[in-house]
């Protein structure tokens, strides 16, 4: 997803971030899930969909907060 995002292929980036999100959720990887939410949010920001961007970034922040991740 990051490579596609870097080259502004946002639809493809979303496809791969969503696949990674599904894997992280299935295996219970909360840090990975939070990272995927953040990545998806950044893609939506690039697409100008600020409502969805904020939604995903808030989900990421909530998961990071649950794990006391202060990065």
C-alpha atoms as a PDB file:
ATOM      1  CA  UNK A   1       0.000   0.000   0.000  1.00  0.00           C
ATOM      2  CA  UNK A   2       2.791   2.425   0.838  1.00  0.00           C
ATOM      3  CA  UNK A   3       4.398   2.075  -2.582  1.00  0.00           C
ATOM      4  CA  UNK A   4       1.118   2.713  -4.367  1.00  0.00           C
ATOM      5  CA  UNK A   5       0.457   5.681  -2.101  1.00  0.00           C
ATOM      6  CA  UNK A   6       3.903   7.081  -2.805  1.00  0.00           C
ATOM      7  CA  UNK A   7       3.152   6.964  -6.531  1.00  0.00           C
ATOM      8  CA  UNK A   8      -0.314   8.512  -6.045  1.00  0.00           C
ATOM      9  CA  UNK A   9      -2.179   5.343  -7.006  1.00  0.00           C
ATOM     10  CA  UNK A  10      -4.609   5.838  -4.151  1.00  0.00           C
ATOM     11  CA  UNK A  11      -7.259   3.332  -5.182  1.00  0.00           C
ATOM     12  CA  UNK A  12      -4.668   0.565  -5.320  1.00  0.00           C
ATOM     13  CA  UNK A  13      -3.115   1.745  -2.037  1.00  0.00           C
ATOM     14  CA  UNK A  14      -6.516   1.499  -0.351  1.00  0.00           C
ATOM     15  CA  UNK A  15      -6.959  -2.006  -1.739  1.00  0.00           C
ATOM     16  CA  UNK A  16      -3.724  -3.206  -0.145  1.00  0.00           C
ATOM     17  CA  UNK A  17      -4.162  -1.344   3.133  1.00  0.00           C
ATOM     18  CA  UNK A  18      -7.626  -2.856   3.474  1.00  0.00           C
ATOM     19  CA  UNK A  19      -6.229  -6.347   2.822  1.00  0.00           C
ATOM     20  CA  UNK A  20      -3.581  -5.764   5.488  1.00  0.00           C
ATOM     21  CA  UNK A  21      -6.251  -4.421   7.848  1.00  0.00           C
ATOM     22  CA  UNK A  22      -8.311  -7.597   7.403  1.00  0.00           C
ATOM     23  CA  UNK A  23      -5.279  -9.752   8.248  1.00  0.00           C
ATOM     24  CA  UNK A  24      -4.342  -7.665  11.293  1.00  0.00           C
ATOM     25  CA  UNK A  25      -7.912  -7.766  12.587  1.00  0.00           C
ATOM     26  CA  UNK A  26      -8.191 -11.519  12.003  1.00  0.00           C
ATOM     27  CA  UNK A  27      -4.999 -12.279  13.948  1.00  0.00           C
ATOM     28  CA  UNK A  28      -5.711  -9.732  16.681  1.00  0.00           C
ATOM     29  CA  UNK A  29      -2.739  -7.479  15.894  1.00  0.00           C
ATOM     30  CA  UNK A  30      -3.988  -4.216  17.403  1.00  0.00           C
ATOM     31  CA  UNK A  31      -0.828  -2.245  16.628  1.00  0.00           C
ATOM     32  CA  UNK A  32      -0.980  -3.401  13.021  1.00  0.00           C
ATOM     33  CA  UNK A  33      -4.677  -2.569  12.872  1.00  0.00           C
ATOM     34  CA  UNK A  34      -3.947   0.921  14.160  1.00  0.00           C
ATOM     35  CA  UNK A  35      -1.207   1.373  11.534  1.00  0.00           C
ATOM     36  CA  UNK A  36      -3.556   0.294   8.755  1.00  0.00           C
ATOM     37  CA  UNK A  37      -6.257   2.690   9.972  1.00  0.00           C
ATOM     38  CA  UNK A  38      -3.689   5.478   9.937  1.00  0.00           C
ATOM     39  CA  UNK A  39      -2.498   4.598   6.440  1.00  0.00           C
ATOM     40  CA  UNK A  40      -6.056   4.444   5.131  1.00  0.00           C
ATOM     41  CA  UNK A  41      -6.775   7.792   6.750  1.00  0.00           C
ATOM     42  CA  UNK A  42      -3.773   9.362   5.053  1.00  0.00           C
ATOM     43  CA  UNK A  43      -4.903   8.059   1.669  1.00  0.00           C
ATOM     44  CA  UNK A  44      -8.356   9.548   2.189  1.00  0.00           C
ATOM     45  CA  UNK A  45      -6.684  12.831   3.112  1.00  0.00           C
ATOM     46  CA  UNK A  46      -4.784  12.757  -0.172  1.00  0.00           C
ATOM     47  CA  UNK A  47      -8.064  12.121  -1.981  1.00  0.00           C
ATOM     48  CA  UNK A  48      -9.618  15.137  -0.265  1.00  0.00           C
ATOM     49  CA  UNK A  49     -12.154  13.038   1.657  1.00  0.00           C
ATOM     50  CA  UNK A  50     -11.448  14.679   4.993  1.00  0.00           C
ATOM     51  CA  UNK A  51     -14.454  13.179   6.753  1.00  0.00           C
ATOM     52  CA  UNK A  52     -13.314   9.626   6.057  1.00  0.00           C
ATOM     53  CA  UNK A  53      -9.696  10.569   6.740  1.00  0.00           C
ATOM     54  CA  UNK A  54     -10.631  11.868  10.170  1.00  0.00           C
ATOM     55  CA  UNK A  55     -12.737   8.768  10.864  1.00  0.00           C
ATOM     56  CA  UNK A  56      -9.831   6.404  10.178  1.00  0.00           C
ATOM     57  CA  UNK A  57      -7.234   8.543  11.940  1.00  0.00           C
ATOM     58  CA  UNK A  58      -9.439   8.689  15.041  1.00  0.00           C
ATOM     59  CA  UNK A  59      -9.776   4.892  14.973  1.00  0.00           C
ATOM     60  CA  UNK A  60      -5.999   4.632  14.812  1.00  0.00           C
ATOM     61  CA  UNK A  61      -5.547   7.055  17.686  1.00  0.00           C
ATOM     62  CA  UNK A  62      -8.082   5.172  19.807  1.00  0.00           C
ATOM     63  CA  UNK A  63      -6.221   1.875  19.297  1.00  0.00           C
ATOM     64  CA  UNK A  64      -2.842   3.462  20.006  1.00  0.00           C
ATOM     65  CA  UNK A  65      -4.292   4.995  23.157  1.00  0.00           C
ATOM     66  CA  UNK A  66      -5.656   1.631  24.267  1.00  0.00           C
ATOM     67  CA  UNK A  67      -2.122   0.249  24.137  1.00  0.00           C
ATOM     68  CA  UNK A  68      -0.483   3.216  25.810  1.00  0.00           C
ATOM     69  CA  UNK A  69       1.506   3.751  22.618  1.00  0.00           C
ATOM     70  CA  UNK A  70       2.983   7.246  22.913  1.00  0.00           C
ATOM     71  CA  UNK A  71       4.741   7.407  19.542  1.00  0.00           C
END
